[in-house]
Amino acid sequence: MKDKSFLIGLVLSPIILFGMYWIGSSSDTKQPKATNEVVDILSLNFSPAIPIKAVTEMPFLQLIEKAEQKVSLKDFAGKPVVLHFWATWCGACVAEMPELDEFAKQNGIHIIPIVAEENAQSKVAEYYSKKNIKNLKIYVDTKSALARWFGANALPTTIFINKSGFEVGRIIGPVDWSSSAGQAILKYLTE
């Protein structure tokens, strides 16, 4: 009797599994795919800043042509800022830079991509040239002092600063800037 039950179970199991698969896959195909999906900022691995802290006067370098100029976040006061820590050796970082460049071109906020590594100026200039990045300037935090001040311990880290100069949140990890995620970020910063 046990052998008969085992054989029936053995025969019915694939039929039941196939039926479950067919029902599940057919219901997915009947639902239309969203073309203009709305993304909430909190669904993007966004962490609100607690406590909210004001930007710093700590200097970092901007590469202009072949010269360097000291700047600080206070130089960007009055508009929202996207502070993006990255490195040329970080695969996820370099993969998102062309999208970030296009995002910078289309939106009226300051995007400050800070490369957090020593002696990176020539590497970044070469990378920008190779990937045809024209809307992002080269900023360097050679000693990672600004990254440490913000607690940016992983790359990429994107920190959002409102027009009053306060950090309002951050995303650790890459962002799909060309999708509705970028628009959710823009909406959050400009409201």
Protein backbone atom coordinates (compact mmCIF):
# COMPACT_ATOMS: atom_id res chain seq x y z
CA MET A 1 0.00 0.00 0.00
CA LYS A 2 2.83 2.36 0.81
CA ASP A 3 4.44 1.61 -2.55
CA LYS A 4 1.19 2.52 -4.35
CA SER A 5 0.93 5.86 -2.50
CA PHE A 6 4.56 6.62 -3.30
CA LEU A 7 4.03 5.89 -7.02
CA ILE A 8 0.88 8.04 -7.16
CA GLY A 9 2.75 10.89 -5.45
CA LEU A 10 5.67 10.47 -7.84
CA VAL A 11 3.34 10.69 -10.87
CA LEU A 12 1.22 13.58 -9.54
CA SER A 13 4.08 15.77 -8.25
CA PRO A 14 5.34 16.93 -11.68
CA ILE A 15 1.76 17.56 -12.84
CA ILE A 16 0.99 19.67 -9.77
CA LEU A 17 4.26 21.60 -10.06
CA PHE A 18 3.70 22.29 -13.76
CA GLY A 19 0.14 23.48 -13.01
CA MET A 20 1.39 25.86 -10.32
CA TYR A 21 4.07 27.21 -12.66
CA TRP A 22 1.57 27.66 -15.51
CA ILE A 23 -0.95 29.50 -13.31
CA GLY A 24 1.75 31.77 -11.87
CA SER A 25 3.34 32.62 -15.21
CA SER A 26 0.07 33.17 -17.04
CA SER A 27 -1.16 35.67 -14.43
CA ASP A 28 2.06 37.69 -14.82
CA THR A 29 1.63 37.98 -18.58
CA LYS A 30 -1.96 39.20 -18.34
CA GLN A 31 -1.03 42.23 -16.22
CA PRO A 32 0.20 45.23 -18.21
CA LYS A 33 3.69 46.42 -17.43
CA ALA A 34 3.91 49.92 -16.00
CA THR A 35 5.61 52.33 -18.36
CA ASN A 36 5.74 55.36 -16.08
CA GLU A 37 6.18 53.67 -12.74
CA VAL A 38 6.29 55.98 -9.76
CA VAL A 39 9.12 55.33 -7.34
CA ASP A 40 9.04 56.51 -3.75
CA ILE A 41 12.33 57.89 -2.41
CA LEU A 42 12.27 55.47 0.52
CA SER A 43 12.20 52.47 -1.83
CA LEU A 44 15.65 53.44 -3.16
CA ASN A 45 17.62 52.39 -0.08
CA PHE A 46 17.36 56.04 0.98
CA SER A 47 18.33 56.80 4.58
CA PRO A 48 17.06 60.10 6.00
CA ALA A 49 19.72 62.08 7.85
CA ILE A 50 19.36 61.85 11.62
CA PRO A 51 20.41 64.23 12.95
CA ILE A 52 20.36 66.62 10.03
CA LYS A 53 23.76 68.26 9.83
CA ALA A 54 24.90 71.40 8.07
CA VAL A 55 27.43 71.22 5.30
CA THR A 56 31.03 71.83 6.09
CA GLU A 57 33.61 74.41 5.08
CA MET A 58 36.15 71.60 4.84
CA PRO A 59 38.03 72.11 1.57
CA PHE A 60 38.36 69.69 -1.30
CA LEU A 61 39.88 70.20 -4.73
CA GLN A 62 38.30 71.04 -8.05
CA LEU A 63 40.39 70.26 -11.10
CA ILE A 64 40.07 73.07 -13.64
CA GLU A 65 41.91 72.32 -16.85
CA LYS A 66 45.31 71.34 -15.42
CA ALA A 67 45.11 73.51 -12.28
CA GLU A 68 43.56 72.77 -8.89
CA GLN A 69 41.35 75.09 -6.90
CA LYS A 70 40.17 74.66 -3.30
CA VAL A 71 36.41 74.70 -2.84
CA SER A 72 33.98 73.80 -0.05
CA LEU A 73 30.31 72.89 0.03
CA LYS A 74 29.50 76.41 1.23
CA ASP A 75 30.43 77.55 -2.30
CA PHE A 76 27.29 75.77 -3.58
CA ALA A 77 24.79 77.35 -1.17
CA GLY A 78 21.29 78.26 -2.36
CA LYS A 79 20.55 75.23 -4.54
CA PRO A 80 20.11 71.56 -3.78
CA VAL A 81 23.33 69.53 -4.01
CA VAL A 82 23.92 65.90 -4.84
CA LEU A 83 27.27 64.97 -3.28
CA HIS A 84 28.45 61.74 -4.86
CA PHE A 85 31.50 59.91 -3.47
CA TRP A 86 33.06 57.46 -5.93
CA ALA A 87 36.41 56.03 -7.08
CA THR A 88 37.88 54.99 -10.41
CA TRP A 89 38.63 51.49 -9.08
CA CYS A 90 34.99 50.92 -8.00
CA GLY A 91 33.08 49.01 -10.70
CA ALA A 92 29.61 50.11 -9.55
CA CYS A 93 30.84 53.70 -9.34
CA VAL A 94 32.21 53.95 -12.87
CA ALA A 95 29.17 52.14 -14.29
CA GLU A 96 26.76 54.81 -13.04
CA MET A 97 28.83 57.90 -13.94
CA PRO A 98 27.55 58.24 -17.56
CA GLU A 99 23.94 58.20 -16.26
CA LEU A 100 24.84 60.72 -13.56
CA ASP A 101 26.38 62.91 -16.28
CA GLU A 102 23.13 62.82 -18.29
CA PHE A 103 21.12 63.51 -15.11
CA ALA A 104 23.31 66.57 -14.45
CA LYS A 105 22.67 67.82 -17.98
CA GLN A 106 18.88 67.59 -17.64
CA ASN A 107 18.34 68.96 -14.12
CA GLY A 108 19.13 72.24 -12.39
CA ILE A 109 20.86 70.98 -9.29
CA HIS A 110 24.53 70.92 -8.36
CA ILE A 111 26.04 67.48 -8.72
CA ILE A 112 29.44 67.21 -7.07
CA PRO A 113 31.08 63.87 -7.89
CA ILE A 114 34.01 63.60 -5.50
CA VAL A 115 36.57 60.96 -6.29
CA ALA A 116 37.83 59.64 -2.97
CA GLU A 117 41.31 58.42 -3.76
CA GLU A 118 44.82 59.82 -3.90
CA ASN A 119 46.43 60.89 -7.18
CA ALA A 120 43.18 60.41 -9.05
CA GLN A 121 43.10 63.62 -11.10
CA SER A 122 44.66 62.15 -14.24
CA LYS A 123 42.69 58.89 -13.92
CA VAL A 124 39.40 60.79 -13.66
CA ALA A 125 40.25 63.12 -16.55
CA GLU A 126 41.11 60.09 -18.70
CA TYR A 127 37.92 58.27 -17.65
CA TYR A 128 35.74 61.36 -18.36
CA SER A 129 37.31 61.68 -21.79
CA LYS A 130 36.87 57.98 -22.59
CA LYS A 131 33.18 57.96 -21.51
CA ASN A 132 32.44 61.41 -23.02
CA ILE A 133 31.40 62.88 -19.66
CA LYS A 134 30.93 66.60 -20.21
CA ASN A 135 28.46 67.81 -17.56
CA LEU A 136 30.32 66.78 -14.42
CA LYS A 137 33.34 68.55 -13.07
CA ILE A 138 36.25 66.78 -11.44
CA TYR A 139 36.39 67.08 -7.66
CA VAL A 140 38.96 65.28 -5.52
CA ASP A 141 39.06 64.47 -1.82
CA THR A 142 42.67 63.24 -1.80
CA LYS A 143 42.91 62.48 1.91
CA SER A 144 39.24 61.37 2.17
CA ALA A 145 38.70 63.99 4.90
CA LEU A 146 35.31 65.06 3.55
CA ALA A 147 34.23 61.43 3.08
CA ARG A 148 35.19 60.71 6.70
CA TRP A 149 33.37 63.82 7.96
CA PHE A 150 30.18 62.63 6.24
CA GLY A 151 30.76 59.02 7.31
CA ALA A 152 30.83 57.82 3.70
CA ASN A 153 32.41 54.43 4.41
CA ALA A 154 31.25 52.64 1.25
CA LEU A 155 31.40 53.56 -2.41
CA PRO A 156 29.40 54.83 -4.11
CA THR A 157 27.67 56.96 -1.49
CA THR A 158 25.33 59.73 -2.58
CA ILE A 159 24.44 62.43 -0.04
CA PHE A 160 21.59 64.85 -0.62
CA ILE A 161 21.89 68.41 0.65
CA ASN A 162 18.94 70.80 0.54
CA LYS A 163 19.12 74.42 -0.62
CA SER A 164 19.56 75.56 3.00
CA GLY A 165 22.80 73.58 3.20
CA PHE A 166 21.69 70.64 5.36
CA GLU A 167 22.12 66.95 4.65
CA VAL A 168 18.64 65.45 4.29
CA GLY A 169 19.59 61.87 3.44
CA ARG A 170 21.79 59.47 1.53
CA ILE A 171 21.86 56.37 -0.61
CA ILE A 172 24.66 53.85 -0.23
CA GLY A 173 25.23 51.93 -3.44
CA PRO A 174 24.58 52.68 -7.11
CA VAL A 175 21.50 54.56 -8.32
CA ASP A 176 19.79 54.12 -11.70
CA TRP A 177 19.82 57.82 -12.56
CA SER A 178 18.13 57.33 -15.94
CA SER A 179 15.01 55.69 -14.46
CA SER A 180 12.19 57.01 -12.34
CA ALA A 181 14.58 56.71 -9.39
CA GLY A 182 16.41 59.81 -10.61
CA GLN A 183 13.12 61.68 -10.92
CA ALA A 184 12.10 60.65 -7.39
CA ILE A 185 15.39 62.04 -6.09
CA LEU A 186 14.94 65.27 -8.03
CA LYS A 187 11.38 65.69 -6.71
CA TYR A 188 12.54 65.05 -3.15
CA LEU A 189 15.32 67.64 -3.36
CA THR A 190 13.30 70.38 -5.04
CA GLU A 191 10.12 70.20 -2.92
